[in-house]
Amino acid sequence: MIEHLNRLNIKETRRSIYFLCLFLMIGILVGCEKEKITHPHVESSHLPFSKVNPGPAFLGKEVIPIQTLEGTFSEIVGWLSNQSILYITNLGQESYLYAYDLSTGKSSLVYQTEFPIVTADISPQRKKILIHTAPSSYTGKLTVIETDGKLLYETDIESIELSFSWNGESEQKLLVTAFYEDWSYRTFILDTEIKEISEIDLPQPFLEWPKDNEILYLDWEEENISLTAPLVKKNIITGKEEVVLAAGHYLDFIDQSVLVVSADQDNDKQANYVVMDQNYNEISSFHAPQLSVFSGWLVPYYDVLESLSSLLYLRPYKSGEADVYNEGFTLTERSFEDGNETILMEQVENEPLECSPNGAMCLYGYQLEKIIDLKEREIINLLDY
């Protein structure tokens, strides 16, 4: 979900905890690795602000929905630029990656593969694309290309699921974690510049890589199942570790910012959001209503608008149980500079968000099949066929 490898033998207690963590991350969140969630129904969400005929948008141009497709639509991957997106289609067993210009309505084939694409991810600087395909149930193939389709590196790994994290400073590198049937795992550094993949021994499977030689992770206990864990940074050259925050239950590194979410110590019905820069200096912190799930808490979808120095997030109206909560969310922007919050939309659904580099538009939906125009505060369906 690169070369054939032998599996690690890991204590049964560790395997149990990693299975729990994997279940929580995949079932509740978008996933630690930024992989998109597919959904069988394109028009699944409530669109209170949708427009049938899109009007003028960013850059003074119209957003033109995708009107024809080669094959069956799978999902939109993300933004290649302020007006260009990347999407996947399937035809038989083959998958295709297309770049699409929202202002001209033109699609350009970027890459095709003989195996179905499990997921694809655009690098933070939008210069590279990682493609995960599945030649078999027990083998994953990772392919890294430039945005014009030029092949940089590809390799196979024995696995039933793969997770990955881009390096925040050296974009030619990725951390890759391969999981096996017993939920043991191995971690690798993939380097497209020297064209090799090498194994590295790391203490947790779910990792963020904000600095070239420094990883970040929640240090879940091996012997005891806990709902929170210390946030730890580790130098992968010297092995030195240091606790950054005492507790958290969710971690992400996005657009040069570190986001940690935890339950408030005095009131677990409130979520505590902490945003830090790449040096782990706090730039924003605030509370929001928290929704509980059977084994923890749900983190609603969000994105960091680096160009606007703000966080865009879906905020529940009140705390409660996630499986019975039906009161909707506000699309809220919080400024890092002064802490002010602006409600951009009300009564929207909790679905994935990914915003353009300039922060003017956001892809939205389980397949990122819609666009939110943040200036006009309206939702546009990108699939018009």
Protein backbone atom coordinates (compact mmCIF):
# COMPACT_ATOMS: atom_id res chain seq x y z
CA MET A 1 0.00 0.00 0.00
CA ILE A 2 13.64 -2.51 -4.00
CA GLU A 3 15.47 -5.59 -4.65
CA HIS A 4 14.30 -8.70 -2.86
CA LEU A 5 15.15 -8.69 0.86
CA ASN A 6 15.09 -11.01 3.89
CA ARG A 7 12.57 -10.19 6.55
CA LEU A 8 13.51 -8.95 10.03
CA ASN A 9 12.48 -10.94 13.10
CA ILE A 10 10.94 -8.51 15.59
CA LYS A 11 9.52 -9.16 19.03
CA GLU A 12 5.83 -9.95 19.11
CA THR A 13 5.08 -6.95 21.30
CA ARG A 14 6.67 -4.56 18.85
CA ARG A 15 4.78 -6.10 15.96
CA SER A 16 1.50 -5.64 17.82
CA ILE A 17 2.13 -1.96 18.45
CA TYR A 18 3.22 -1.26 14.89
CA PHE A 19 0.10 -2.98 13.61
CA LEU A 20 -2.03 -0.78 15.87
CA CYS A 21 -0.21 2.35 14.70
CA LEU A 22 -0.56 1.35 11.04
CA PHE A 23 -4.26 0.67 11.47
CA LEU A 24 -4.82 4.01 13.13
CA MET A 25 -2.84 5.95 10.55
CA ILE A 26 -4.39 4.31 7.50
CA GLY A 27 -7.91 4.06 8.84
CA ILE A 28 -8.21 7.47 10.45
CA LEU A 29 -5.85 9.82 8.66
CA VAL A 30 -4.83 10.51 5.16
CA GLY A 31 -1.80 8.54 6.14
CA CYS A 32 1.51 9.63 7.53
CA GLU A 33 3.06 9.49 4.09
CA LYS A 34 0.78 11.79 2.40
CA GLU A 35 -0.82 9.10 0.28
CA LYS A 36 -4.28 10.03 -1.05
CA ILE A 37 -7.40 8.08 -0.06
CA THR A 38 -9.37 6.70 -2.98
CA HIS A 39 -13.15 6.68 -2.87
CA PRO A 40 -15.58 4.92 -5.24
CA HIS A 41 -18.06 7.79 -5.52
CA VAL A 42 -16.81 10.95 -7.17
CA GLU A 43 -19.76 13.08 -6.10
CA SER A 44 -19.82 11.79 -2.55
CA SER A 45 -19.73 15.04 -0.63
CA HIS A 46 -22.13 17.79 0.12
CA LEU A 47 -21.37 20.80 -2.06
CA PRO A 48 -23.19 23.75 -0.50
CA PHE A 49 -21.15 26.29 -2.46
CA SER A 50 -20.69 24.42 -5.76
CA LYS A 51 -20.94 26.08 -9.15
CA VAL A 52 -22.09 24.40 -12.36
CA ASN A 53 -20.34 26.95 -14.58
CA PRO A 54 -17.07 28.09 -12.98
CA GLY A 55 -16.29 31.78 -13.15
CA PRO A 56 -13.03 33.76 -13.07
CA ALA A 57 -10.49 32.40 -10.62
CA PHE A 58 -6.81 32.81 -9.82
CA LEU A 59 -4.56 34.62 -12.31
CA GLY A 60 -7.69 36.12 -13.87
CA LYS A 61 -8.45 32.88 -15.72
CA GLU A 62 -11.28 30.38 -15.59
CA VAL A 63 -10.99 26.94 -14.08
CA ILE A 64 -11.92 24.53 -16.86
CA PRO A 65 -13.12 21.11 -15.62
CA ILE A 66 -11.68 17.93 -17.13
CA GLN A 67 -14.11 17.06 -19.92
CA THR A 68 -12.55 13.99 -21.56
CA LEU A 69 -10.46 11.15 -20.19
CA GLU A 70 -8.38 8.35 -21.66
CA GLY A 71 -9.41 5.43 -19.49
CA THR A 72 -11.11 5.52 -16.09
CA PHE A 73 -10.43 8.35 -13.66
CA SER A 74 -8.58 7.24 -10.50
CA GLU A 75 -7.57 10.36 -8.57
CA ILE A 76 -5.89 13.74 -8.74
CA VAL A 77 -2.40 13.57 -7.26
CA GLY A 78 -1.77 17.25 -6.54
CA TRP A 79 -0.42 20.55 -7.82
CA LEU A 80 2.44 20.82 -10.30
CA SER A 81 2.14 24.62 -10.30
CA ASN A 82 -0.41 27.31 -9.46
CA GLN A 83 -2.52 26.34 -12.47
CA SER A 84 -1.45 22.79 -13.35
CA ILE A 85 -2.42 19.55 -11.61
CA LEU A 86 -1.46 15.88 -11.97
CA TYR A 87 -4.05 13.11 -12.27
CA ILE A 88 -4.17 9.32 -12.76
CA THR A 89 -6.30 7.23 -15.10
CA ASN A 90 -6.47 3.47 -15.56
CA LEU A 91 -7.02 1.49 -18.75
CA GLY A 92 -7.01 -2.27 -18.29
CA GLN A 93 -3.98 -3.09 -16.12
CA GLU A 94 -2.11 0.02 -17.22
CA SER A 95 -2.06 3.39 -15.45
CA TYR A 96 -1.37 6.86 -16.86
CA LEU A 97 -0.22 10.11 -15.30
CA TYR A 98 -1.42 13.32 -16.94
CA ALA A 99 -0.59 16.96 -16.32
CA TYR A 100 -3.66 19.17 -16.71
CA ASP A 101 -3.73 22.93 -17.22
CA LEU A 102 -6.79 24.33 -15.45
CA SER A 103 -6.84 27.51 -17.54
CA THR A 104 -6.56 25.88 -21.00
CA GLY A 105 -8.27 22.55 -20.36
CA LYS A 106 -5.40 20.63 -21.97
CA SER A 107 -4.01 17.32 -20.71
CA SER A 108 -0.46 16.12 -21.39
CA LEU A 109 0.72 12.56 -20.81
CA VAL A 110 3.60 12.53 -18.33
CA TYR A 111 4.11 8.82 -17.70
CA GLN A 112 2.51 5.44 -18.24
CA THR A 113 3.10 2.11 -16.50
CA GLU A 114 2.11 -1.46 -17.23
CA PHE A 115 1.16 -1.99 -13.58
CA PRO A 116 -1.66 -0.28 -11.64
CA ILE A 117 -0.57 2.80 -9.72
CA VAL A 118 -1.16 2.39 -5.98
CA THR A 119 -0.33 6.02 -5.32
CA ALA A 120 1.78 8.89 -6.61
CA ASP A 121 3.24 11.88 -4.79
CA ILE A 122 4.72 15.17 -5.96
CA SER A 123 7.92 16.30 -4.22
CA PRO A 124 7.80 19.38 -1.96
CA GLN A 125 9.51 21.61 -4.54
CA ARG A 126 7.32 20.10 -7.31
CA LYS A 127 10.28 18.97 -9.39
CA LYS A 128 9.90 15.20 -8.99
CA ILE A 129 7.13 12.61 -8.85
CA LEU A 130 7.21 9.36 -6.89
CA ILE A 131 5.09 6.54 -8.33
CA HIS A 132 4.22 3.41 -6.36
CA THR A 133 2.99 0.49 -8.45
CA ALA A 134 2.22 -3.10 -7.49
CA PRO A 135 3.55 -5.78 -9.87
CA SER A 136 2.28 -8.38 -7.36
CA SER A 137 0.69 -8.63 -3.92
CA TYR A 138 4.10 -9.01 -2.29
CA THR A 139 6.18 -6.64 -4.40
CA GLY A 140 6.12 -2.86 -4.65
CA LYS A 141 7.86 -0.87 -7.34
CA LEU A 142 8.99 2.69 -6.68
CA THR A 143 9.67 4.92 -9.67
CA VAL A 144 10.91 8.50 -9.41
CA ILE A 145 10.60 10.77 -12.45
CA GLU A 146 10.97 14.45 -13.21
CA THR A 147 7.76 16.33 -13.92
CA ASP A 148 8.43 16.07 -17.68
CA GLY A 149 8.46 12.26 -17.40
CA LYS A 150 12.23 11.69 -17.42
CA LEU A 151 13.09 8.56 -15.45
CA LEU A 152 15.44 9.19 -12.53
CA TYR A 153 15.38 5.87 -10.68
CA GLU A 154 13.24 2.81 -10.09
CA THR A 155 13.55 -0.23 -7.87
CA ASP A 156 11.51 -3.12 -6.47
CA ILE A 157 11.05 -4.15 -2.86
CA GLU A 158 9.41 -7.13 -1.26
CA SER A 159 6.49 -5.74 0.75
CA ILE A 160 2.75 -5.76 1.23
CA GLU A 161 2.69 -1.99 1.90
CA LEU A 162 5.10 0.91 1.47
CA SER A 163 5.28 4.29 3.15
CA PHE A 164 7.63 7.12 2.26
CA SER A 165 8.77 10.60 3.25
CA TRP A 166 10.63 13.19 1.16
CA ASN A 167 13.73 14.83 2.60
CA GLY A 168 12.91 18.46 3.43
CA GLU A 169 16.34 19.77 2.36
CA SER A 170 17.65 17.30 -0.25
CA GLU A 171 14.77 16.47 -2.56
CA GLN A 172 16.64 13.67 -4.31
CA LYS A 173 16.29 11.55 -1.16
CA LEU A 174 13.35 9.69 0.36
CA LEU A 175 12.84 7.50 3.41
CA VAL A 176 10.99 4.33 2.46
CA THR A 177 9.48 1.84 4.92
CA ALA A 178 8.52 -1.62 3.69
CA PHE A 179 5.99 -3.60 5.74
CA TYR A 180 5.59 -7.37 5.65
CA GLU A 181 2.75 -9.78 6.39
CA ASP A 182 3.62 -10.01 10.08
CA TRP A 183 3.88 -6.17 10.20
CA SER A 184 7.58 -6.24 10.77
CA TYR A 185 9.32 -3.60 8.69
CA ARG A 186 12.59 -2.41 7.16
CA THR A 187 13.55 1.18 6.37
CA PHE A 188 15.65 2.45 3.47
CA ILE A 189 17.09 5.65 2.06
CA LEU A 190 16.36 6.03 -1.64
CA ASP A 191 18.74 8.45 -3.41
CA THR A 192 17.90 9.38 -7.00
CA GLU A 193 21.17 11.28 -7.49
CA ILE A 194 23.49 8.33 -6.87
CA LYS A 195 20.77 5.92 -8.02
CA GLU A 196 20.78 3.51 -5.12
CA ILE A 197 18.74 2.39 -2.15
CA SER A 198 20.35 1.43 1.16
CA GLU A 199 18.94 0.04 4.39
CA ILE A 200 19.03 2.12 7.57
CA ASP A 201 18.15 0.98 11.09
CA LEU A 202 15.58 3.36 12.59
CA PRO A 203 13.49 3.03 15.76
CA GLN A 204 10.03 3.60 14.29
CA PRO A 205 8.37 2.88 10.93
CA PHE A 206 6.48 6.17 10.57
CA LEU A 207 8.97 8.98 10.10
CA GLU A 208 9.29 12.53 8.85
CA TRP A 209 12.52 13.89 7.35
CA PRO A 210 12.67 17.68 7.80
CA LYS A 211 16.48 18.00 7.65
CA ASP A 212 19.12 16.26 5.57
CA ASN A 213 20.59 14.25 8.45
CA GLU A 214 17.75 14.45 10.96
CA ILE A 215 14.53 12.48 11.22
CA LEU A 216 11.51 13.16 13.40
CA TYR A 217 9.15 10.60 14.90
CA LEU A 218 6.71 9.83 17.68
CA ASP A 219 8.52 7.39 19.97
CA TRP A 220 5.78 4.86 20.70
CA GLU A 221 6.58 2.50 23.59
CA GLU A 222 7.37 -1.12 22.74
CA GLU A 223 5.90 -2.77 25.81
CA ASN A 224 2.83 -0.63 26.52
CA ILE A 225 0.15 0.58 24.14
CA SER A 226 -0.29 4.32 24.68
CA LEU A 227 -2.40 6.97 22.98
CA THR A 228 0.46 9.51 22.99
CA ALA A 229 4.23 9.42 22.57
CA PRO A 230 7.15 11.85 22.89
CA LEU A 231 8.22 13.68 19.74
CA VAL A 232 11.88 12.83 19.15
CA LYS A 233 14.48 14.09 16.67
CA LYS A 234 17.36 11.78 15.74
CA ASN A 235 20.57 12.50 13.86
CA ILE A 236 20.96 9.59 11.44
CA ILE A 237 24.74 10.14 11.22
CA THR A 238 25.66 10.40 14.92
CA GLY A 239 22.65 8.55 16.35
CA LYS A 240 22.01 11.35 18.88
CA GLU A 241 18.38 11.65 20.00
CA GLU A 242 16.55 14.50 21.69
CA VAL A 243 12.95 14.97 22.83
CA VAL A 244 11.31 17.94 21.09
CA LEU A 245 7.84 17.72 22.68
CA ALA A 246 6.68 15.63 25.61
CA ALA A 247 3.60 14.12 23.93
CA GLY A 248 1.65 13.93 20.70
CA HIS A 249 -0.58 11.52 18.83
CA TYR A 250 -0.16 12.88 15.29
CA LEU A 251 2.87 14.18 13.37
CA ASP A 252 3.35 15.66 9.91
CA PHE A 253 6.02 17.65 8.08
CA ILE A 254 4.49 19.74 5.33
CA ASP A 255 5.66 22.82 3.42
CA GLN A 256 8.67 23.33 5.72
CA SER A 257 6.47 23.19 8.84
CA VAL A 258 6.16 20.54 11.52
CA LEU A 259 2.63 19.87 12.82
CA VAL A 260 2.02 17.97 16.04
CA VAL A 261 -1.45 17.30 17.43
CA SER A 262 -2.15 16.09 20.95
CA ALA A 263 -5.02 15.99 23.42
CA ASP A 264 -5.06 18.86 25.88
CA GLN A 265 -3.68 17.67 29.23
CA ASP A 266 -6.52 19.19 31.23
CA ASN A 267 -9.37 18.49 28.79
CA ASP A 268 -9.07 15.63 26.30
CA LYS A 269 -12.12 16.95 24.45
CA GLN A 270 -9.83 19.68 23.11
CA ALA A 271 -7.07 19.07 20.56
CA ASN A 272 -3.84 20.99 20.94
CA TYR A 273 -2.22 21.96 17.62
CA VAL A 274 1.45 22.99 17.61
CA VAL A 275 3.15 24.24 14.44
CA MET A 276 6.94 24.52 14.37
CA ASP A 277 9.48 25.60 11.78
CA GLN A 278 12.25 23.34 10.44
CA ASN A 279 14.37 24.12 13.52
CA TYR A 280 11.48 23.10 15.82
CA ASN A 281 10.78 26.62 17.00
CA GLU A 282 7.08 27.08 17.76
CA ILE A 283 5.37 29.45 15.34
CA SER A 284 1.76 28.78 16.30
CA SER A 285 -0.28 26.85 18.85
CA PHE A 286 -4.01 26.70 19.49
CA HIS A 287 -6.89 24.51 20.65
CA ALA A 288 -9.80 23.10 18.65
CA PRO A 289 -12.73 20.79 19.43
CA GLN A 290 -11.66 17.16 19.29
CA LEU A 291 -13.45 14.13 17.86
CA SER A 292 -12.73 10.77 19.44
CA VAL A 293 -12.53 7.37 17.75
CA PHE A 294 -12.49 3.92 19.33
CA SER A 295 -8.74 3.95 20.00
CA GLY A 296 -7.75 7.61 20.01
CA TRP A 297 -8.65 10.83 18.23
CA LEU A 298 -9.40 11.90 14.71
CA VAL A 299 -7.34 14.68 13.08
CA PRO A 300 -9.48 16.51 10.48
CA TYR A 301 -7.86 17.36 7.16
CA TYR A 302 -5.67 20.44 6.75
CA ASP A 303 -2.88 22.02 4.69
CA VAL A 304 -0.13 24.55 5.37
CA LEU A 305 -0.22 27.64 3.15
CA GLU A 306 3.50 28.44 3.23
CA SER A 307 3.17 31.41 0.86
CA LEU A 308 0.58 32.98 3.18
CA SER A 309 2.20 31.85 6.46
CA SER A 310 -0.99 30.20 7.64
CA LEU A 311 -2.72 26.90 8.33
CA LEU A 312 -5.93 25.94 6.57
CA TYR A 313 -7.85 23.32 8.53
CA LEU A 314 -11.28 21.78 8.94
CA ARG A 315 -12.55 22.59 12.42
CA PRO A 316 -15.47 20.72 14.00
CA TYR A 317 -18.15 22.87 15.60
CA LYS A 318 -17.92 20.92 18.85
CA SER A 319 -16.24 17.93 20.44
CA GLY A 320 -17.79 14.48 20.32
CA GLU A 321 -17.52 10.98 18.92
CA ALA A 322 -16.39 10.91 15.30
CA ASP A 323 -18.64 8.05 14.21
CA VAL A 324 -21.82 9.88 15.22
CA TYR A 325 -20.73 13.47 14.62
CA ASN A 326 -22.76 14.94 11.73
CA GLU A 327 -22.67 18.70 12.29
CA GLY A 328 -20.05 19.53 9.67
CA PHE A 329 -16.86 21.58 9.80
CA THR A 330 -15.71 25.12 9.16
CA LEU A 331 -12.94 25.68 6.65
CA THR A 332 -10.75 27.92 8.79
CA GLU A 333 -7.51 29.78 8.07
CA ARG A 334 -5.21 30.56 10.99
CA SER A 335 -2.43 33.11 10.56
CA PHE A 336 0.98 32.18 11.95
CA GLU A 337 1.90 35.84 12.31
CA ASP A 338 -0.88 37.12 14.57
CA GLY A 339 -2.91 34.02 15.44
CA ASN A 340 -6.09 35.44 13.90
CA GLU A 341 -8.56 32.99 12.43
CA THR A 342 -10.85 33.52 9.44
CA ILE A 343 -13.77 31.22 8.65
CA LEU A 344 -13.78 30.81 4.87
CA MET A 345 -16.69 28.35 4.58
CA GLU A 346 -19.19 26.77 6.92
CA GLN A 347 -20.87 23.37 6.95
CA VAL A 348 -18.30 21.61 4.77
CA GLU A 349 -17.34 17.95 4.95
CA ASN A 350 -14.11 16.55 6.40
CA GLU A 351 -12.34 15.56 3.19
CA PRO A 352 -8.69 15.82 2.06
CA LEU A 353 -7.25 19.22 1.18
CA GLU A 354 -4.22 20.13 -0.91
CA CYS A 355 -3.63 23.77 -1.75
CA SER A 356 -1.84 25.44 -4.66
CA PRO A 357 1.62 26.96 -4.06
CA ASN A 358 0.21 30.50 -3.96
CA GLY A 359 -2.60 29.52 -1.59
CA ALA A 360 -5.36 30.71 -3.94
CA MET A 361 -7.01 27.36 -4.63
CA CYS A 362 -7.27 23.98 -2.91
CA LEU A 363 -7.94 20.55 -4.32
CA TYR A 364 -10.62 18.94 -2.19
CA GLY A 365 -12.34 15.56 -1.85
CA TYR A 366 -11.46 11.90 -1.39
CA GLN A 367 -10.05 11.84 -4.92
CA LEU A 368 -9.13 15.56 -4.82
CA GLU A 369 -11.73 15.82 -7.57
CA LYS A 370 -12.96 19.31 -6.63
CA ILE A 371 -11.39 22.73 -6.27
CA ILE A 372 -12.09 25.30 -3.58
CA ASP A 373 -11.59 28.86 -4.79
CA LEU A 374 -10.57 30.51 -1.53
CA LYS A 375 -11.11 34.04 -2.83
CA GLU A 376 -14.61 33.45 -4.19
CA ARG A 377 -15.32 30.86 -1.47
CA GLU A 378 -16.90 28.40 -3.83
CA ILE A 379 -16.39 24.74 -4.78
CA ILE A 380 -15.94 23.62 -8.37
CA ASN A 381 -16.25 20.00 -9.52
CA LEU A 382 -13.29 19.20 -11.78
CA LEU A 383 -14.90 16.19 -13.44
CA ASP A 384 -17.32 17.28 -16.17
CA TYR A 385 -18.15 14.23 -18.26
